Amino acid sequence: MASTTASPLPSGTSLPARVLRLEGSSNFRDLGGYTTADGRSLQWRRLFRSDHLAGLSAADLRALAALKIGHSVDFRGANECAVQGYAWPQFQRHAFMVEPTVVQRTQELLAAGHQLTAADTVGLMQDTYRSFVRDNADRFARLFQLLLQSDAPLVFHCTAGKDRTGWAAALILYALGVSREQIMEDYLLTNVHYQRPVAAVAGRLPEEVLEVLWRVQNAFLDSALELVDRDHGGMDRYLAEVLGMDRAARAQLAQRYLE
């Protein structure tokens, strides 16, 4: 079985590993253990976030089978799924496609002769996160519906497991009552664990731009949260009115995933 290891923990603790070290994934993480305002915590080995699953090895699949994962939610766009598709028989894949608009905008700017800077790229990433809130809410609402319908452990992912996946994780954690500080802590773990594909080093983009594209920043997630506050009056109303997660639904979610 593929080995697992945890992100740093206080000495003397015996918590499960948050980060599962798989041969075909560098950013496969458990959402368990985060605490809520009312003193509860997320159950371990129930909800996972990851980069794409197309490269999993036989050992990886045995490791995931041991976790009894029943569903994978794939947020990648059509071309991403076509290039790196998967159909592992041990869990059901749900395609909730969110197209990677930052890739399209980057290509358009390059084709127009624009020399991208790191600052330009930060702006593109912030626009991408705002699009999650504004244009792709139905995909994230479908994730919540699945969480309420099935009791089986679930993994959700995109390509790198950082942006679409990061926003999904933030929504789930907020809906369960986890603090914004812990939500950001979980979000930024990608910078510690995700390994950029070797092929991404080549090309026309300068390294400072690639560093923005392949990592996460507080400013990215904050841009989505600020839009929620501005246009919807806060995350509680956004969850209820846009994503279908009213007080009763959130109570059901908590009963299922908290301890």
Protein backbone atom coordinates (compact mmCIF):
# COMPACT_ATOMS: atom_id res chain seq x y z
CA MET A 1 0.00 0.00 0.00
CA ALA A 2 1.17 3.51 -0.70
CA SER A 3 2.68 5.16 2.34
CA THR A 4 1.00 8.02 4.15
CA THR A 5 2.43 10.84 6.16
CA ALA A 6 1.02 13.84 7.98
CA SER A 7 1.65 17.51 7.86
CA PRO A 8 3.44 18.68 11.04
CA LEU A 9 1.48 18.01 14.23
CA PRO A 10 2.13 18.93 17.87
CA SER A 11 4.39 16.45 19.64
CA GLY A 12 2.57 13.71 21.50
CA THR A 13 -0.47 13.65 19.20
CA SER A 14 -1.67 10.53 17.41
CA LEU A 15 -3.99 12.02 14.84
CA PRO A 16 -4.43 10.36 11.45
CA ALA A 17 -2.31 11.67 8.60
CA ARG A 18 -3.86 14.68 6.91
CA VAL A 19 -1.76 14.28 3.76
CA LEU A 20 -1.76 10.88 2.09
CA ARG A 21 1.43 10.34 0.12
CA LEU A 22 0.36 8.59 -3.06
CA GLU A 23 2.53 7.73 -6.03
CA GLY A 24 0.17 9.40 -8.50
CA SER A 25 -0.98 12.37 -6.41
CA SER A 26 0.93 14.93 -4.35
CA ASN A 27 -2.02 16.88 -2.93
CA PHE A 28 -4.41 14.23 -1.55
CA ARG A 29 -5.60 15.49 1.84
CA ASP A 30 -8.12 14.63 4.52
CA LEU A 31 -10.43 17.38 5.83
CA GLY A 32 -10.77 15.59 9.15
CA GLY A 33 -9.90 17.17 12.47
CA TYR A 34 -10.78 20.81 11.82
CA THR A 35 -12.77 22.18 14.74
CA THR A 36 -16.04 24.09 14.74
CA ALA A 37 -17.31 27.04 16.75
CA ASP A 38 -19.46 24.74 18.91
CA GLY A 39 -16.55 22.48 19.87
CA ARG A 40 -17.09 19.62 17.46
CA SER A 41 -14.65 18.47 14.79
CA LEU A 42 -14.78 16.94 11.32
CA GLN A 43 -14.62 13.17 11.27
CA TRP A 44 -11.44 11.72 9.82
CA ARG A 45 -11.45 9.60 6.67
CA ARG A 46 -14.79 10.87 5.38
CA LEU A 47 -14.00 13.87 3.15
CA PHE A 48 -10.91 14.21 1.00
CA ARG A 49 -9.58 16.81 -1.45
CA SER A 50 -7.04 16.10 -4.16
CA ASP A 51 -5.31 16.93 -7.39
CA HIS A 52 -6.43 14.84 -10.39
CA LEU A 53 -6.70 11.07 -10.01
CA ALA A 54 -5.73 9.95 -13.51
CA GLY A 55 -2.20 8.99 -12.51
CA LEU A 56 -2.98 6.75 -9.57
CA SER A 57 -0.90 3.57 -9.34
CA ALA A 58 -2.11 0.13 -8.36
CA ALA A 59 -0.73 0.76 -4.87
CA ASP A 60 -2.61 4.07 -4.72
CA LEU A 61 -5.86 2.36 -5.67
CA ARG A 62 -5.36 -0.21 -2.92
CA ALA A 63 -4.79 2.64 -0.46
CA LEU A 64 -8.00 4.36 -1.54
CA ALA A 65 -9.90 1.07 -1.42
CA ALA A 66 -8.85 0.74 2.21
CA LEU A 67 -10.42 4.15 2.84
CA LYS A 68 -13.71 2.88 1.34
CA ILE A 69 -14.10 5.95 -0.87
CA GLY A 70 -17.35 5.59 -2.77
CA HIS A 71 -17.44 8.77 -4.87
CA SER A 72 -15.11 11.14 -6.66
CA VAL A 73 -16.27 14.61 -7.71
CA ASP A 74 -14.27 15.87 -10.70
CA PHE A 75 -14.38 19.65 -11.19
CA ARG A 76 -12.09 19.64 -14.25
CA GLY A 77 -13.18 21.03 -17.61
CA ALA A 78 -13.88 19.01 -20.75
CA ASN A 79 -10.39 19.18 -22.24
CA GLU A 80 -8.71 18.38 -18.93
CA CYS A 81 -10.87 15.29 -18.53
CA ALA A 82 -10.19 14.22 -22.11
CA VAL A 83 -6.42 14.54 -21.75
CA GLN A 84 -6.18 12.95 -18.30
CA GLY A 85 -9.29 10.88 -17.90
CA TYR A 86 -9.91 8.06 -15.45
CA ALA A 87 -12.58 5.50 -14.67
CA TRP A 88 -11.54 3.60 -11.55
CA PRO A 89 -14.10 0.86 -10.81
CA GLN A 90 -13.91 1.16 -7.03
CA PHE A 91 -15.68 4.51 -6.83
CA GLN A 92 -18.26 6.44 -8.84
CA ARG A 93 -17.00 9.52 -10.67
CA HIS A 94 -19.25 12.60 -10.88
CA ALA A 95 -18.25 15.22 -13.46
CA PHE A 96 -19.24 18.70 -12.20
CA MET A 97 -17.26 20.59 -14.83
CA VAL A 98 -15.85 24.04 -14.08
CA GLU A 99 -13.86 25.21 -17.08
CA PRO A 100 -10.40 26.68 -16.26
CA THR A 101 -10.96 30.23 -17.49
CA VAL A 102 -7.53 31.41 -16.35
CA VAL A 103 -5.93 29.17 -18.98
CA GLN A 104 -8.08 30.65 -21.73
CA ARG A 105 -7.45 34.23 -20.63
CA THR A 106 -3.71 33.61 -20.39
CA GLN A 107 -3.64 32.19 -23.91
CA GLU A 108 -5.67 35.11 -25.26
CA LEU A 109 -3.32 37.66 -23.71
CA LEU A 110 -0.25 35.89 -25.02
CA ALA A 111 -1.77 35.64 -28.51
CA ALA A 112 -2.41 39.39 -28.41
CA GLY A 113 1.26 39.99 -27.67
CA HIS A 114 0.83 40.89 -24.01
CA GLN A 115 3.80 40.14 -21.75
CA LEU A 116 2.28 38.67 -18.62
CA THR A 117 3.62 39.73 -15.24
CA ALA A 118 3.08 38.19 -11.82
CA ALA A 119 0.69 41.04 -10.96
CA ASP A 120 -1.33 40.40 -14.13
CA THR A 121 -1.58 36.75 -13.20
CA VAL A 122 -2.75 37.47 -9.66
CA GLY A 123 -5.57 39.52 -11.19
CA LEU A 124 -6.49 36.67 -13.53
CA MET A 125 -6.57 34.25 -10.62
CA GLN A 126 -8.80 36.57 -8.59
CA ASP A 127 -11.19 36.82 -11.55
CA THR A 128 -11.22 33.03 -11.72
CA TYR A 129 -12.25 32.76 -8.08
CA ARG A 130 -14.99 35.34 -8.58
CA SER A 131 -16.28 33.19 -11.43
CA PHE A 132 -16.64 30.27 -9.02
CA VAL A 133 -19.05 32.40 -6.99
CA ARG A 134 -20.86 34.05 -9.86
CA ASP A 135 -20.88 31.60 -12.77
CA ASN A 136 -20.34 28.11 -11.38
CA ALA A 137 -22.44 27.99 -8.23
CA ASP A 138 -24.60 25.17 -9.59
CA ARG A 139 -21.58 22.83 -9.73
CA PHE A 140 -20.76 23.44 -6.08
CA ALA A 141 -24.42 23.10 -5.15
CA ARG A 142 -24.37 19.64 -6.74
CA LEU A 143 -21.42 18.72 -4.51
CA PHE A 144 -23.49 19.58 -1.43
CA GLN A 145 -26.42 17.57 -2.76
CA LEU A 146 -24.17 14.55 -3.14
CA LEU A 147 -22.75 15.00 0.36
CA LEU A 148 -26.29 14.94 1.74
CA GLN A 149 -27.40 11.98 -0.35
CA SER A 150 -24.56 9.54 0.26
CA ASP A 151 -22.89 8.41 3.46
CA ALA A 152 -19.84 6.95 1.68
CA PRO A 153 -16.44 8.66 1.98
CA LEU A 154 -15.88 11.08 -0.90
CA VAL A 155 -12.96 12.79 -2.64
CA PHE A 156 -13.35 15.97 -4.70
CA HIS A 157 -10.67 17.28 -7.02
CA CYS A 158 -9.67 19.33 -10.05
CA THR A 159 -6.32 19.23 -11.86
CA ALA A 160 -3.95 20.57 -9.19
CA GLY A 161 -6.39 20.37 -6.29
CA LYS A 162 -5.87 24.01 -5.42
CA ASP A 163 -8.41 26.43 -6.95
CA ARG A 164 -11.73 24.79 -7.80
CA THR A 165 -10.98 22.22 -5.12
CA GLY A 166 -9.85 24.94 -2.72
CA TRP A 167 -13.10 26.84 -3.12
CA ALA A 168 -15.14 23.65 -2.66
CA ALA A 169 -13.23 22.85 0.52
CA ALA A 170 -13.77 26.38 1.83
CA LEU A 171 -17.52 26.10 1.21
CA ILE A 172 -17.77 22.74 2.97
CA LEU A 173 -15.72 23.85 5.95
CA TYR A 174 -17.69 27.08 6.32
CA ALA A 175 -21.01 25.22 6.06
CA LEU A 176 -19.86 22.94 8.89
CA GLY A 177 -18.88 25.85 11.14
CA VAL A 178 -15.08 25.87 10.77
CA SER A 179 -13.38 29.20 11.37
CA ARG A 180 -12.07 31.32 8.52
CA GLU A 181 -8.57 31.00 10.00
CA GLN A 182 -8.65 27.20 9.73
CA ILE A 183 -10.21 27.41 6.28
CA MET A 184 -7.32 29.53 5.07
CA GLU A 185 -4.84 27.22 6.79
CA ASP A 186 -6.24 24.25 4.89
CA TYR A 187 -6.27 26.23 1.64
CA LEU A 188 -2.61 27.24 1.91
CA LEU A 189 -1.41 23.68 2.56
CA THR A 190 -1.33 23.24 -1.22
CA ASN A 191 1.82 25.37 -1.29
CA VAL A 192 3.50 22.88 1.04
CA HIS A 193 2.50 19.67 -0.68
CA TYR A 194 1.56 20.12 -4.35
CA GLN A 195 4.27 19.17 -6.83
CA ARG A 196 4.04 21.06 -10.10
CA PRO A 197 4.25 18.77 -13.17
CA VAL A 198 7.62 18.83 -14.88
CA ALA A 199 6.04 19.77 -18.22
CA ALA A 200 4.72 22.98 -16.67
CA VAL A 201 8.25 24.34 -16.36
CA ALA A 202 8.64 24.68 -20.11
CA GLY A 203 6.84 27.14 -22.37
CA ARG A 204 6.48 30.84 -22.97
CA LEU A 205 5.56 31.89 -19.45
CA PRO A 206 8.19 33.36 -17.14
CA GLU A 207 8.86 31.61 -13.86
CA GLU A 208 7.27 34.43 -11.83
CA VAL A 209 4.00 33.83 -13.68
CA LEU A 210 4.19 30.07 -13.25
CA GLU A 211 4.75 30.58 -9.54
CA VAL A 212 1.43 32.41 -9.36
CA LEU A 213 -0.44 29.92 -11.54
CA TRP A 214 0.72 26.80 -9.73
CA ARG A 215 0.43 28.05 -6.14
CA VAL A 216 -2.28 29.63 -4.00
CA GLN A 217 -2.42 32.98 -2.23
CA ASN A 218 -4.69 34.43 0.46
CA ALA A 219 -5.71 37.04 -2.09
CA PHE A 220 -7.26 34.41 -4.38
CA LEU A 221 -9.63 32.95 -1.80
CA ASP A 222 -10.28 36.39 -0.31
CA SER A 223 -11.48 37.67 -3.69
CA ALA A 224 -14.24 35.04 -3.74
CA LEU A 225 -15.19 35.63 -0.11
CA GLU A 226 -15.33 39.39 -0.63
CA LEU A 227 -17.64 38.93 -3.64
CA VAL A 228 -19.92 36.71 -1.54
CA ASP A 229 -20.06 39.41 1.13
CA ARG A 230 -20.68 42.20 -1.37
CA ASP A 231 -23.26 40.54 -3.62
CA HIS A 232 -24.99 38.17 -1.22
CA GLY A 233 -24.66 39.68 2.22
CA GLY A 234 -22.33 37.02 3.56
CA MET A 235 -21.62 33.32 3.31
CA ASP A 236 -24.62 32.20 5.36
CA ARG A 237 -27.04 33.78 2.87
CA TYR A 238 -24.99 32.59 -0.12
CA LEU A 239 -25.07 29.01 1.13
CA ALA A 240 -28.81 29.16 1.78
CA GLU A 241 -30.05 31.18 -1.18
CA VAL A 242 -27.62 30.11 -3.92
CA LEU A 243 -26.27 26.70 -2.95
CA GLY A 244 -29.41 25.31 -1.31
CA MET A 245 -27.77 24.87 2.08
CA ASP A 246 -30.23 26.43 4.50
CA ARG A 247 -30.12 25.91 8.27
CA ALA A 248 -31.79 22.49 8.08
CA ALA A 249 -29.47 21.26 5.33
CA ARG A 250 -26.41 22.45 7.22
CA ALA A 251 -27.64 20.70 10.35
CA GLN A 252 -28.00 17.49 8.34
CA LEU A 253 -24.49 17.97 6.94
CA ALA A 254 -23.12 18.49 10.44
CA GLN A 255 -24.86 15.40 11.77
CA ARG A 256 -23.24 13.36 9.02
CA TYR A 257 -19.67 14.69 9.09
CA LEU A 258 -19.01 16.10 12.57
CA GLU A 259 -18.29 14.37 15.83
